[in-house]
Amino acid sequence: MAVAVLALLASGCGSGGTLSAKTLSQESKSLKSLAAEGALLARQAGAGKTTRIFRRVHSDYLYKAASKSSSSLRSAKTEPRLDSELRKLTYLAGTVSTDLKRLGHASKSQLPGLARELERVARTLE
């Protein structure tokens, strides 16, 4: 999934053009997937079903994909009618990125809160 996010952003942002409604929708779906996967990881880790090393490595992989998305969206342009959607996605991508970074080193007591936050963001996205 992370590869799809990076390919999507490269095609949409790297060309110097503007992001279309379809590209924003696809980006929203990719971010939703990253947030949902992070929430699942947090829930599994909180239940003791993953090792700390697995959680740290996997959350870092998810974080890098979300961070790349967030960075690309911050510099992206779109049609004026889609500006509010781009701002919303940029904000949510930053939230997902931050939460995934925290997930790798969170204490067991912090995991349920991170899971809830990532689930909330996933529901907010398309």
Protein backbone atom coordinates (compact mmCIF):
# COMPACT_ATOMS: atom_id res chain seq x y z
CA MET A 1 0.00 0.00 0.00
CA ALA A 2 2.78 2.45 0.86
CA VAL A 3 4.30 1.92 -2.59
CA ALA A 4 0.97 2.91 -4.13
CA VAL A 5 0.93 6.09 -2.05
CA LEU A 6 4.41 7.05 -3.18
CA ALA A 7 3.68 6.26 -6.84
CA LEU A 8 0.46 8.24 -6.70
CA LEU A 9 2.16 11.28 -5.24
CA ALA A 10 5.03 11.08 -7.68
CA SER A 11 2.63 11.09 -10.60
CA GLY A 12 0.42 13.83 -9.17
CA CYS A 13 2.94 16.19 -7.61
CA GLY A 14 6.16 15.54 -9.43
CA SER A 15 4.92 16.73 -12.81
CA GLY A 16 4.44 20.31 -11.68
CA GLY A 17 0.73 20.15 -12.54
CA THR A 18 -2.23 20.40 -10.24
CA LEU A 19 -3.85 17.55 -8.35
CA SER A 20 -7.22 16.46 -9.69
CA ALA A 21 -10.27 15.43 -7.68
CA LYS A 22 -9.52 11.81 -8.61
CA THR A 23 -5.95 12.08 -7.35
CA LEU A 24 -7.13 13.64 -4.07
CA SER A 25 -9.67 10.84 -3.67
CA GLN A 26 -7.00 8.21 -4.26
CA GLU A 27 -4.70 9.95 -1.79
CA SER A 28 -7.48 9.99 0.78
CA LYS A 29 -8.00 6.24 0.35
CA SER A 30 -4.27 5.60 0.74
CA LEU A 31 -4.09 7.67 3.92
CA LYS A 32 -7.17 5.89 5.25
CA SER A 33 -5.40 2.57 4.69
CA LEU A 34 -2.25 3.76 6.49
CA ALA A 35 -4.29 5.05 9.44
CA ALA A 36 -6.35 1.85 9.66
CA GLU A 37 -3.24 -0.32 9.51
CA GLY A 38 -1.61 1.79 12.22
CA ALA A 39 -4.72 1.47 14.40
CA LEU A 40 -4.70 -2.29 13.97
CA LEU A 41 -1.01 -2.42 14.86
CA ALA A 42 -1.65 -0.33 17.99
CA ARG A 43 -4.54 -2.59 19.05
CA GLN A 44 -2.50 -5.76 18.45
CA ALA A 45 0.50 -4.35 20.31
CA GLY A 46 -1.71 -3.26 23.21
CA ALA A 47 -3.07 -6.80 23.44
CA GLY A 48 0.46 -8.22 23.51
CA LYS A 49 0.11 -9.88 20.11
CA THR A 50 3.19 -8.25 18.55
CA THR A 51 6.77 -7.82 19.65
CA ARG A 52 8.20 -4.38 20.38
CA ILE A 53 10.65 -4.81 17.52
CA PHE A 54 7.89 -5.67 15.04
CA ARG A 55 5.84 -2.69 16.23
CA ARG A 56 8.80 -0.34 15.96
CA VAL A 57 9.84 -1.51 12.48
CA HIS A 58 6.34 -1.74 11.04
CA SER A 59 5.22 1.61 12.43
CA ASP A 60 8.38 3.19 11.00
CA TYR A 61 7.53 1.79 7.57
CA LEU A 62 3.99 3.20 7.84
CA TYR A 63 5.31 6.50 9.22
CA LYS A 64 7.67 6.96 6.27
CA ALA A 65 4.83 6.46 3.79
CA ALA A 66 2.54 8.89 5.66
CA SER A 67 5.36 11.40 6.10
CA LYS A 68 6.14 11.33 2.39
CA SER A 69 2.46 11.87 1.66
CA SER A 70 2.25 14.74 4.13
CA SER A 71 5.32 16.42 2.68
CA SER A 72 4.08 16.10 -0.89
CA LEU A 73 0.62 17.39 -0.02
CA ARG A 74 2.08 20.45 1.74
CA SER A 75 3.71 21.55 -1.52
CA ALA A 76 0.91 20.39 -3.84
CA LYS A 77 -1.40 22.63 -5.84
CA THR A 78 -4.92 21.98 -6.97
CA GLU A 79 -7.84 23.71 -8.62
CA PRO A 80 -9.35 26.47 -6.45
CA ARG A 81 -12.57 24.47 -5.95
CA LEU A 82 -10.51 21.65 -4.37
CA ASP A 83 -8.39 23.82 -2.05
CA SER A 84 -10.39 22.94 1.06
CA GLU A 85 -10.09 19.21 0.32
CA LEU A 86 -6.32 19.58 -0.16
CA ARG A 87 -6.00 21.48 3.14
CA LYS A 88 -8.03 18.79 4.93
CA LEU A 89 -5.93 15.97 3.47
CA THR A 90 -2.70 17.80 4.29
CA TYR A 91 -3.80 18.21 7.92
CA LEU A 92 -4.93 14.59 8.24
CA ALA A 93 -1.75 13.28 6.59
CA GLY A 94 0.26 15.21 9.19
CA THR A 95 -1.86 13.74 11.98
CA VAL A 96 -1.43 10.18 10.66
CA SER A 97 2.30 10.72 10.24
CA THR A 98 2.71 12.06 13.79
CA ASP A 99 0.64 9.27 15.32
CA LEU A 100 2.55 6.57 13.42
CA LYS A 101 5.87 8.02 14.54
CA ARG A 102 4.69 7.95 18.17
CA LEU A 103 3.39 4.39 17.79
CA GLY A 104 6.86 2.88 17.42
CA HIS A 105 7.98 4.00 20.86
CA ALA A 106 4.70 4.38 22.73
CA SER A 107 4.21 2.82 26.13
CA LYS A 108 1.56 0.14 26.51
CA SER A 109 -0.72 2.65 28.23
CA GLN A 110 -0.48 5.05 25.24
CA LEU A 111 -1.41 2.43 22.63
CA PRO A 112 -5.22 2.50 23.10
CA GLY A 113 -5.27 6.28 22.64
CA LEU A 114 -3.17 6.07 19.50
CA ALA A 115 -5.42 3.32 18.15
CA ARG A 116 -8.52 5.45 18.77
CA GLU A 117 -6.95 8.51 17.14
CA LEU A 118 -5.86 6.57 14.06
CA GLU A 119 -9.33 4.95 13.82
CA ARG A 120 -10.93 8.40 14.07
CA VAL A 121 -8.77 9.72 11.25
CA ALA A 122 -9.45 6.62 9.12
CA ARG A 123 -13.21 7.20 9.54
CA THR A 124 -12.80 10.87 8.60
CA LEU A 125 -11.07 9.96 5.35
CA GLU A 126 -13.06 8.86 2.31
